[in-house]
């Protein structure tokens, strides 16, 4: 699954936050963004590390992983690009 191209189709298995979130934690803004899985070792309920094509700073979300523009995303939130 590593190096697989993906699109974020949801975040935390929803298409919008269930409750109000701060702008820097509104990862739902990334729905529809493309990336690739760069670490397929699953952590925290099936999350894999996704490197997004676009700069996450543009969206104003927290981006504190060791690899810039990457987030640990649940596999169930990803759609594979074939």
N, C-alpha and C. Protein backbone atom coordinates (compact mmCIF):
# COMPACT_ATOMS: atom_id res chain seq x y z
N UNK A 1 0.81 -1.20 0.00
CA UNK A 1 0.00 0.00 0.00
C UNK A 1 0.86 1.27 0.00
N UNK A 2 2.13 1.16 0.41
CA UNK A 2 3.02 2.31 0.40
C UNK A 2 3.18 2.83 -1.03
N UNK A 3 3.25 4.14 -1.19
CA UNK A 3 3.35 4.86 -2.46
C UNK A 3 2.05 4.83 -3.27
N UNK A 4 0.97 4.37 -2.68
CA UNK A 4 -0.33 4.38 -3.34
C UNK A 4 -0.89 5.80 -3.34
N UNK A 5 -1.40 6.22 -4.50
CA UNK A 5 -2.03 7.53 -4.63
C UNK A 5 -3.44 7.46 -4.05
N UNK A 6 -3.82 8.49 -3.29
CA UNK A 6 -5.11 8.52 -2.62
C UNK A 6 -5.75 9.90 -2.71
N UNK A 7 -7.06 9.92 -2.45
CA UNK A 7 -7.81 11.16 -2.28
C UNK A 7 -8.48 11.08 -0.92
N UNK A 8 -8.45 12.18 -0.18
CA UNK A 8 -9.15 12.21 1.10
C UNK A 8 -10.64 12.37 0.82
N UNK A 9 -11.42 11.35 1.19
CA UNK A 9 -12.87 11.39 0.91
C UNK A 9 -13.69 11.77 2.13
N UNK A 10 -13.07 11.68 3.32
CA UNK A 10 -13.72 12.09 4.57
C UNK A 10 -12.62 12.28 5.61
N UNK A 11 -12.99 12.77 6.77
CA UNK A 11 -12.04 12.87 7.87
C UNK A 11 -12.75 12.38 9.12
N UNK A 12 -12.14 11.45 9.81
CA UNK A 12 -12.76 10.78 10.95
C UNK A 12 -14.12 10.20 10.55
N UNK A 13 -14.16 9.74 9.30
CA UNK A 13 -15.32 9.05 8.72
C UNK A 13 -16.56 9.92 8.59
N UNK A 14 -16.38 11.25 8.55
CA UNK A 14 -17.48 12.18 8.30
C UNK A 14 -17.03 13.19 7.26
N UNK A 15 -17.99 13.88 6.64
CA UNK A 15 -17.61 14.88 5.64
C UNK A 15 -17.62 16.30 6.21
N UNK A 16 -18.04 16.43 7.46
CA UNK A 16 -17.97 17.71 8.16
C UNK A 16 -17.84 17.41 9.66
N UNK A 17 -17.28 18.35 10.42
CA UNK A 17 -17.10 18.09 11.84
C UNK A 17 -18.44 17.92 12.57
N UNK A 18 -18.47 17.03 13.55
CA UNK A 18 -19.67 16.81 14.36
C UNK A 18 -19.91 17.96 15.34
N UNK A 19 -18.84 18.63 15.68
CA UNK A 19 -18.93 19.75 16.61
C UNK A 19 -18.02 20.85 16.10
N UNK A 20 -18.12 22.02 16.68
CA UNK A 20 -17.29 23.13 16.23
C UNK A 20 -15.82 22.85 16.54
N UNK A 21 -14.97 23.11 15.54
CA UNK A 21 -13.54 22.92 15.71
C UNK A 21 -12.83 24.23 15.35
N UNK A 22 -11.66 24.41 15.90
CA UNK A 22 -10.89 25.60 15.55
C UNK A 22 -10.41 25.47 14.11
N UNK A 23 -10.14 26.58 13.49
CA UNK A 23 -9.76 26.59 12.08
C UNK A 23 -8.51 25.75 11.83
N UNK A 24 -7.56 25.77 12.77
CA UNK A 24 -6.31 25.03 12.57
C UNK A 24 -6.48 23.53 12.78
N UNK A 25 -7.65 23.10 13.24
CA UNK A 25 -7.93 21.67 13.40
C UNK A 25 -9.06 21.22 12.47
N UNK A 26 -9.43 22.06 11.54
CA UNK A 26 -10.50 21.73 10.59
C UNK A 26 -9.92 20.99 9.39
N UNK A 27 -9.58 19.73 9.60
CA UNK A 27 -8.99 18.90 8.55
C UNK A 27 -10.02 18.53 7.49
N UNK A 28 -11.28 18.80 7.72
CA UNK A 28 -12.32 18.54 6.73
C UNK A 28 -12.11 19.42 5.50
N UNK A 29 -11.37 20.53 5.66
CA UNK A 29 -11.06 21.39 4.51
C UNK A 29 -10.22 20.65 3.47
N UNK A 30 -9.60 19.55 3.88
CA UNK A 30 -8.73 18.80 2.98
C UNK A 30 -9.46 17.75 2.15
N UNK A 31 -10.75 17.57 2.39
CA UNK A 31 -11.51 16.57 1.63
C UNK A 31 -11.42 16.90 0.15
N UNK A 32 -11.07 15.90 -0.63
CA UNK A 32 -10.88 16.07 -2.07
C UNK A 32 -9.43 16.26 -2.46
N UNK A 33 -8.56 16.48 -1.47
CA UNK A 33 -7.13 16.67 -1.76
C UNK A 33 -6.46 15.32 -2.04
N UNK A 34 -5.47 15.37 -2.93
CA UNK A 34 -4.73 14.17 -3.31
C UNK A 34 -3.43 14.07 -2.54
N UNK A 35 -2.98 12.83 -2.39
CA UNK A 35 -1.70 12.57 -1.76
C UNK A 35 -1.26 11.16 -2.03
N UNK A 36 -0.21 10.74 -1.33
CA UNK A 36 0.23 9.35 -1.45
C UNK A 36 0.62 8.84 -0.08
N UNK A 37 0.40 7.56 0.11
CA UNK A 37 0.75 6.93 1.39
C UNK A 37 2.26 6.75 1.41
N UNK A 38 2.91 7.33 2.42
CA UNK A 38 4.37 7.21 2.51
C UNK A 38 4.81 6.31 3.66
N UNK A 39 3.87 5.95 4.52
CA UNK A 39 4.16 4.99 5.60
C UNK A 39 2.88 4.21 5.85
N UNK A 40 2.91 2.92 5.54
CA UNK A 40 1.69 2.12 5.66
C UNK A 40 1.64 1.33 6.96
N UNK A 41 2.55 1.64 7.87
CA UNK A 41 2.48 1.05 9.22
C UNK A 41 1.29 1.69 9.92
N UNK A 42 0.32 0.89 10.28
CA UNK A 42 -0.91 1.43 10.86
C UNK A 42 -0.73 1.78 12.34
N UNK A 43 -1.20 2.98 12.69
CA UNK A 43 -1.19 3.42 14.09
C UNK A 43 -2.59 3.92 14.44
N UNK A 44 -2.88 4.05 15.72
CA UNK A 44 -4.11 4.69 16.20
C UNK A 44 -5.34 4.34 15.36
N UNK A 45 -5.83 3.14 15.48
CA UNK A 45 -7.06 2.73 14.80
C UNK A 45 -6.96 2.75 13.29
N UNK A 46 -5.85 2.28 12.74
CA UNK A 46 -5.75 2.12 11.29
C UNK A 46 -5.37 3.35 10.50
N UNK A 47 -4.53 4.20 11.07
CA UNK A 47 -4.07 5.39 10.35
C UNK A 47 -2.76 5.10 9.63
N UNK A 48 -2.63 5.69 8.44
CA UNK A 48 -1.40 5.60 7.67
C UNK A 48 -0.94 7.03 7.37
N UNK A 49 0.35 7.19 7.10
CA UNK A 49 0.89 8.53 6.87
C UNK A 49 0.72 8.91 5.40
N UNK A 50 0.00 10.00 5.18
CA UNK A 50 -0.29 10.47 3.83
C UNK A 50 0.45 11.79 3.60
N UNK A 51 1.22 11.85 2.52
CA UNK A 51 1.88 13.08 2.10
C UNK A 51 0.99 13.75 1.07
N UNK A 52 0.46 14.91 1.39
CA UNK A 52 -0.45 15.62 0.49
C UNK A 52 0.33 16.36 -0.59
N UNK A 53 -0.29 16.49 -1.76
CA UNK A 53 0.35 17.18 -2.89
C UNK A 53 0.46 18.67 -2.62
N UNK A 54 -0.53 19.24 -1.95
CA UNK A 54 -0.55 20.68 -1.70
C UNK A 54 -0.02 21.00 -0.31
N UNK A 55 0.47 22.21 -0.16
CA UNK A 55 1.01 22.70 1.10
C UNK A 55 -0.12 22.84 2.13
N UNK A 56 -0.01 22.14 3.24
CA UNK A 56 -1.06 22.18 4.26
C UNK A 56 -1.15 23.55 4.93
N UNK A 57 -0.08 24.33 4.88
CA UNK A 57 -0.13 25.68 5.45
C UNK A 57 -1.15 26.55 4.72
N UNK A 58 -1.35 26.29 3.44
CA UNK A 58 -2.34 27.02 2.65
C UNK A 58 -3.74 26.85 3.26
N UNK A 59 -4.02 25.67 3.81
CA UNK A 59 -5.32 25.39 4.41
C UNK A 59 -5.40 25.85 5.86
N UNK A 60 -4.26 26.23 6.44
CA UNK A 60 -4.23 26.74 7.80
C UNK A 60 -4.41 25.67 8.87
N UNK A 61 -4.10 24.41 8.55
CA UNK A 61 -4.26 23.33 9.53
C UNK A 61 -2.91 22.97 10.16
N UNK A 62 -2.98 22.41 11.35
CA UNK A 62 -1.77 21.97 12.04
C UNK A 62 -1.02 20.97 11.17
N UNK A 63 0.27 21.12 11.15
CA UNK A 63 1.11 20.28 10.31
C UNK A 63 2.41 20.05 11.06
N UNK A 64 2.38 19.15 12.03
CA UNK A 64 3.52 18.99 12.93
C UNK A 64 4.17 17.62 12.85
N UNK A 65 3.90 16.86 11.79
CA UNK A 65 4.56 15.57 11.63
C UNK A 65 5.97 15.77 11.12
N UNK A 66 6.84 14.78 11.31
CA UNK A 66 8.24 14.92 10.88
C UNK A 66 8.38 15.22 9.38
N UNK A 67 7.45 14.72 8.56
CA UNK A 67 7.49 15.00 7.13
C UNK A 67 6.47 16.11 6.84
N UNK A 68 6.97 17.24 6.34
CA UNK A 68 6.10 18.39 6.05
C UNK A 68 4.99 17.98 5.09
N UNK A 69 3.79 18.50 5.33
CA UNK A 69 2.60 18.26 4.50
C UNK A 69 2.08 16.83 4.58
N UNK A 70 2.37 16.16 5.69
CA UNK A 70 1.86 14.80 5.88
C UNK A 70 0.99 14.74 7.13
N UNK A 71 0.00 13.84 7.09
CA UNK A 71 -0.89 13.63 8.22
C UNK A 71 -1.17 12.13 8.36
N UNK A 72 -1.38 11.69 9.59
CA UNK A 72 -1.82 10.32 9.84
C UNK A 72 -3.33 10.29 9.63
N UNK A 73 -3.76 9.56 8.63
CA UNK A 73 -5.17 9.52 8.21
C UNK A 73 -5.67 8.09 8.30
N UNK A 74 -6.91 7.93 8.77
CA UNK A 74 -7.54 6.61 8.81
C UNK A 74 -7.70 6.08 7.39
N UNK A 75 -7.37 4.81 7.21
CA UNK A 75 -7.51 4.21 5.87
C UNK A 75 -8.94 4.31 5.37
N UNK A 76 -9.90 4.24 6.27
CA UNK A 76 -11.30 4.31 5.87
C UNK A 76 -11.68 5.69 5.32
N UNK A 77 -10.84 6.71 5.52
CA UNK A 77 -11.11 8.05 5.01
C UNK A 77 -10.48 8.27 3.62
N UNK A 78 -9.80 7.26 3.12
CA UNK A 78 -9.06 7.41 1.87
C UNK A 78 -9.73 6.64 0.74
N UNK A 79 -9.66 7.22 -0.44
CA UNK A 79 -10.09 6.54 -1.67
C UNK A 79 -8.84 6.34 -2.52
N UNK A 80 -8.60 5.11 -2.93
CA UNK A 80 -7.42 4.81 -3.74
C UNK A 80 -7.63 5.34 -5.15
N UNK A 81 -6.57 5.90 -5.73
CA UNK A 81 -6.58 6.33 -7.12
C UNK A 81 -5.93 5.21 -7.91
N UNK A 82 -6.70 4.60 -8.78
CA UNK A 82 -6.18 3.48 -9.57
C UNK A 82 -5.70 3.91 -10.92
